[in-house]
Amino acid sequence: MKIQTKQLKVFGYGLAVILAFFAWRFWAQEKNLSWVPILGAASLLFACVTTFRLEALIPFYTRWMKVAQFIGSIVTVLILSIIFYFVFGIVGIMLRLLRKDLLDQTMDRRTVSYWHKRPQTEFQKDRYRKQF
């Protein structure tokens, strides 16, 4: 994975801003005031490292991205599973309760074929050139 300097700068300054925001939040709420100097120092440290020694962020950035990819893969599977089971499950239950057959899959022993006859249309060359 090739790491660009822009990505490192966004990561370093972004993390510094986020840490500064949390330090300000703790200070404004007057809760956990012991965290304010720690978060402020970490914010200042990341801002200085990003400004003066950008290459020092590479090991931290690569580990952070591995963790982010792992979390992303789990969250993606979870979200897609929830959407699939809730949307298609609920729609399937509703269609069964309403006895709807959208795909026309009911078995009829009296029919000879399930083939649907289409009306014959006039041949047009353009239909074969632009099919989609």
C-alpha atoms as a PDB file:
ATOM      1  CA  MET A   1       0.000   0.000   0.000  1.00  0.00           C
ATOM      2  CA  LYS A   2       1.507   3.285  -1.126  1.00  0.00           C
ATOM      3  CA  ILE A   3       0.913   6.009   1.413  1.00  0.00           C
ATOM      4  CA  GLN A   4       0.720   9.529   0.043  1.00  0.00           C
ATOM      5  CA  THR A   5       1.758  12.597   2.002  1.00  0.00           C
ATOM      6  CA  LYS A   6      -1.712  14.095   1.637  1.00  0.00           C
ATOM      7  CA  GLN A   7      -3.248  11.051   3.347  1.00  0.00           C
ATOM      8  CA  LEU A   8      -0.755  11.319   6.195  1.00  0.00           C
ATOM      9  CA  LYS A   9      -1.414  15.036   6.625  1.00  0.00           C
ATOM     10  CA  VAL A  10      -5.175  14.522   6.670  1.00  0.00           C
ATOM     11  CA  PHE A  11      -4.734  11.714   9.192  1.00  0.00           C
ATOM     12  CA  GLY A  12      -2.355  13.647  11.458  1.00  0.00           C
ATOM     13  CA  TYR A  13      -4.174  16.960  11.456  1.00  0.00           C
ATOM     14  CA  GLY A  14      -7.558  15.247  11.608  1.00  0.00           C
ATOM     15  CA  LEU A  15      -6.561  13.235  14.659  1.00  0.00           C
ATOM     16  CA  ALA A  16      -5.146  16.379  16.282  1.00  0.00           C
ATOM     17  CA  VAL A  17      -8.423  18.231  15.705  1.00  0.00           C
ATOM     18  CA  ILE A  18     -10.499  15.322  17.039  1.00  0.00           C
ATOM     19  CA  LEU A  19      -8.362  15.041  20.176  1.00  0.00           C
ATOM     20  CA  ALA A  20      -8.531  18.816  20.708  1.00  0.00           C
ATOM     21  CA  PHE A  21     -12.311  18.680  20.327  1.00  0.00           C
ATOM     22  CA  PHE A  22     -12.609  15.977  22.996  1.00  0.00           C
ATOM     23  CA  ALA A  23     -10.291  17.924  25.307  1.00  0.00           C
ATOM     24  CA  TRP A  24     -12.453  21.016  24.855  1.00  0.00           C
ATOM     25  CA  ARG A  25     -15.633  18.955  25.433  1.00  0.00           C
ATOM     26  CA  PHE A  26     -14.323  17.517  28.700  1.00  0.00           C
ATOM     27  CA  TRP A  27     -13.193  20.967  29.815  1.00  0.00           C
ATOM     28  CA  ALA A  28     -16.541  22.607  28.888  1.00  0.00           C
ATOM     29  CA  GLN A  29     -18.598  19.959  30.684  1.00  0.00           C
ATOM     30  CA  GLU A  30     -16.262  19.974  33.672  1.00  0.00           C
ATOM     31  CA  LYS A  31     -16.283  16.179  33.658  1.00  0.00           C
ATOM     32  CA  ASN A  32     -13.164  14.042  33.714  1.00  0.00           C
ATOM     33  CA  LEU A  33     -10.899  17.076  33.909  1.00  0.00           C
ATOM     34  CA  SER A  34      -7.922  14.763  34.331  1.00  0.00           C
ATOM     35  CA  TRP A  35      -8.268  13.834  30.646  1.00  0.00           C
ATOM     36  CA  VAL A  36      -8.049  17.433  29.420  1.00  0.00           C
ATOM     37  CA  PRO A  37      -4.235  17.807  29.676  1.00  0.00           C
ATOM     38  CA  ILE A  38      -3.666  14.310  28.264  1.00  0.00           C
ATOM     39  CA  LEU A  39      -5.909  14.892  25.250  1.00  0.00           C
ATOM     40  CA  GLY A  40      -4.528  18.398  24.760  1.00  0.00           C
ATOM     41  CA  ALA A  41      -0.937  17.146  24.838  1.00  0.00           C
ATOM     42  CA  ALA A  42      -1.765  14.311  22.432  1.00  0.00           C
ATOM     43  CA  SER A  43      -3.445  16.792  20.106  1.00  0.00           C
ATOM     44  CA  LEU A  44      -0.445  19.093  20.207  1.00  0.00           C
ATOM     45  CA  LEU A  45       1.906  16.141  19.699  1.00  0.00           C
ATOM     46  CA  PHE A  46       0.053  14.935  16.592  1.00  0.00           C
ATOM     47  CA  ALA A  47      -0.076  18.465  15.167  1.00  0.00           C
ATOM     48  CA  CYS A  48       3.679  18.927  15.702  1.00  0.00           C
ATOM     49  CA  VAL A  49       4.600  15.494  14.327  1.00  0.00           C
ATOM     50  CA  THR A  50       2.415  16.097  11.278  1.00  0.00           C
ATOM     51  CA  THR A  51       4.011  19.479  10.696  1.00  0.00           C
ATOM     52  CA  PHE A  52       7.668  18.618  11.279  1.00  0.00           C
ATOM     53  CA  ARG A  53       8.168  14.811  10.984  1.00  0.00           C
ATOM     54  CA  LEU A  54       5.435  13.494   8.727  1.00  0.00           C
ATOM     55  CA  GLU A  55       7.185  10.161   8.063  1.00  0.00           C
ATOM     56  CA  ALA A  56       6.973   9.329  11.792  1.00  0.00           C
ATOM     57  CA  LEU A  57       3.207   8.843  11.351  1.00  0.00           C
ATOM     58  CA  ILE A  58       3.588   5.977   8.845  1.00  0.00           C
ATOM     59  CA  PRO A  59       3.685   3.060  11.361  1.00  0.00           C
ATOM     60  CA  PHE A  60       0.775   4.465  13.341  1.00  0.00           C
ATOM     61  CA  TYR A  61      -1.193   5.165  10.141  1.00  0.00           C
ATOM     62  CA  THR A  62      -0.690   1.651   8.726  1.00  0.00           C
ATOM     63  CA  ARG A  63      -1.831   0.008  11.969  1.00  0.00           C
ATOM     64  CA  TRP A  64      -4.790   2.346  12.175  1.00  0.00           C
ATOM     65  CA  MET A  65      -5.824   1.489   8.599  1.00  0.00           C
ATOM     66  CA  LYS A  66      -5.594  -2.259   9.286  1.00  0.00           C
ATOM     67  CA  VAL A  67      -7.886  -1.850  12.285  1.00  0.00           C
ATOM     68  CA  ALA A  68     -10.227   0.347  10.223  1.00  0.00           C
ATOM     69  CA  GLN A  69     -10.392  -2.239   7.414  1.00  0.00           C
ATOM     70  CA  PHE A  70     -11.153  -5.010   9.905  1.00  0.00           C
ATOM     71  CA  ILE A  71     -13.927  -2.979  11.526  1.00  0.00           C
ATOM     72  CA  GLY A  72     -15.239  -1.985   8.088  1.00  0.00           C
ATOM     73  CA  SER A  73     -15.469  -5.588   6.919  1.00  0.00           C
ATOM     74  CA  ILE A  74     -17.449  -6.579  10.016  1.00  0.00           C
ATOM     75  CA  VAL A  75     -19.770  -3.574   9.846  1.00  0.00           C
ATOM     76  CA  THR A  76     -20.381  -4.088   6.122  1.00  0.00           C
ATOM     77  CA  VAL A  77     -21.456  -7.696   6.622  1.00  0.00           C
ATOM     78  CA  LEU A  78     -23.647  -6.691   9.551  1.00  0.00           C
ATOM     79  CA  ILE A  79     -25.388  -3.850   7.714  1.00  0.00           C
ATOM     80  CA  LEU A  80     -25.953  -5.867   4.549  1.00  0.00           C
ATOM     81  CA  SER A  81     -27.294  -8.810   6.561  1.00  0.00           C
ATOM     82  CA  ILE A  82     -29.688  -6.606   8.497  1.00  0.00           C
ATOM     83  CA  ILE A  83     -30.930  -4.916   5.334  1.00  0.00           C
ATOM     84  CA  PHE A  84     -31.324  -8.238   3.531  1.00  0.00           C
ATOM     85  CA  TYR A  85     -33.186 -10.055   6.286  1.00  0.00           C
ATOM     86  CA  PHE A  86     -35.420  -7.162   7.268  1.00  0.00           C
ATOM     87  CA  VAL A  87     -36.293  -5.876   3.802  1.00  0.00           C
ATOM     88  CA  PHE A  88     -36.591  -9.147   1.921  1.00  0.00           C
ATOM     89  CA  GLY A  89     -37.893 -11.050   4.935  1.00  0.00           C
ATOM     90  CA  ILE A  90     -40.682  -8.590   5.620  1.00  0.00           C
ATOM     91  CA  VAL A  91     -41.566  -8.279   1.934  1.00  0.00           C
ATOM     92  CA  GLY A  92     -41.607 -12.081   1.612  1.00  0.00           C
ATOM     93  CA  ILE A  93     -43.850 -12.510   4.645  1.00  0.00           C
ATOM     94  CA  MET A  94     -46.213  -9.792   3.386  1.00  0.00           C
ATOM     95  CA  LEU A  95     -46.435 -11.393  -0.059  1.00  0.00           C
ATOM     96  CA  ARG A  96     -47.144 -14.802   1.466  1.00  0.00           C
ATOM     97  CA  LEU A  97     -49.849 -13.365   3.706  1.00  0.00           C
ATOM     98  CA  LEU A  98     -51.439 -11.585   0.737  1.00  0.00           C
ATOM     99  CA  ARG A  99     -50.993 -14.740  -1.398  1.00  0.00           C
ATOM    100  CA  LYS A 100     -49.217 -12.816  -4.145  1.00  0.00           C
ATOM    101  CA  ASP A 101     -47.011 -14.630  -6.653  1.00  0.00           C
ATOM    102  CA  LEU A 102     -44.959 -11.964  -8.400  1.00  0.00           C
ATOM    103  CA  LEU A 103     -42.859 -14.476 -10.348  1.00  0.00           C
ATOM    104  CA  ASP A 104     -45.856 -16.564 -11.443  1.00  0.00           C
ATOM    105  CA  GLN A 105     -44.447 -19.762  -9.950  1.00  0.00           C
ATOM    106  CA  THR A 106     -47.698 -21.496  -9.041  1.00  0.00           C
ATOM    107  CA  MET A 107     -47.906 -25.051 -10.317  1.00  0.00           C
ATOM    108  CA  ASP A 108     -50.925 -25.799 -12.459  1.00  0.00           C
ATOM    109  CA  ARG A 109     -51.327 -29.436 -13.475  1.00  0.00           C
ATOM    110  CA  ARG A 110     -53.803 -28.576 -16.242  1.00  0.00           C
ATOM    111  CA  THR A 111     -51.388 -26.446 -18.270  1.00  0.00           C
ATOM    112  CA  VAL A 112     -49.366 -27.991 -21.055  1.00  0.00           C
ATOM    113  CA  SER A 113     -46.598 -25.376 -20.964  1.00  0.00           C
ATOM    114  CA  TYR A 114     -45.620 -22.393 -18.902  1.00  0.00           C
ATOM    115  CA  TRP A 115     -44.247 -20.599 -21.932  1.00  0.00           C
ATOM    116  CA  HIS A 116     -45.637 -17.076 -22.392  1.00  0.00           C
ATOM    117  CA  LYS A 117     -46.424 -16.266 -26.006  1.00  0.00           C
ATOM    118  CA  ARG A 118     -45.180 -12.890 -27.108  1.00  0.00           C
ATOM    119  CA  PRO A 119     -46.843 -10.959 -29.895  1.00  0.00           C
ATOM    120  CA  GLN A 120     -45.021 -11.066 -33.195  1.00  0.00           C
ATOM    121  CA  THR A 121     -43.473  -7.697 -34.065  1.00  0.00           C
ATOM    122  CA  GLU A 122     -42.078  -6.343 -37.248  1.00  0.00           C
ATOM    123  CA  PHE A 123     -38.328  -6.834 -37.751  1.00  0.00           C
ATOM    124  CA  GLN A 124     -36.314  -3.703 -36.997  1.00  0.00           C
ATOM    125  CA  LYS A 125     -32.577  -3.623 -37.475  1.00  0.00           C
ATOM    126  CA  ASP A 126     -32.040  -0.892 -34.841  1.00  0.00           C
ATOM    127  CA  ARG A 127     -33.381  -3.098 -32.052  1.00  0.00           C
ATOM    128  CA  TYR A 128     -30.379  -5.403 -32.484  1.00  0.00           C
ATOM    129  CA  ARG A 129     -27.825  -2.606 -32.507  1.00  0.00           C
ATOM    130  CA  LYS A 130     -29.007  -0.821 -29.362  1.00  0.00           C
ATOM    131  CA  GLN A 131     -30.213  -3.606 -27.120  1.00  0.00           C
ATOM    132  CA  PHE A 132     -29.468  -1.875 -23.836  1.00  0.00           C
END
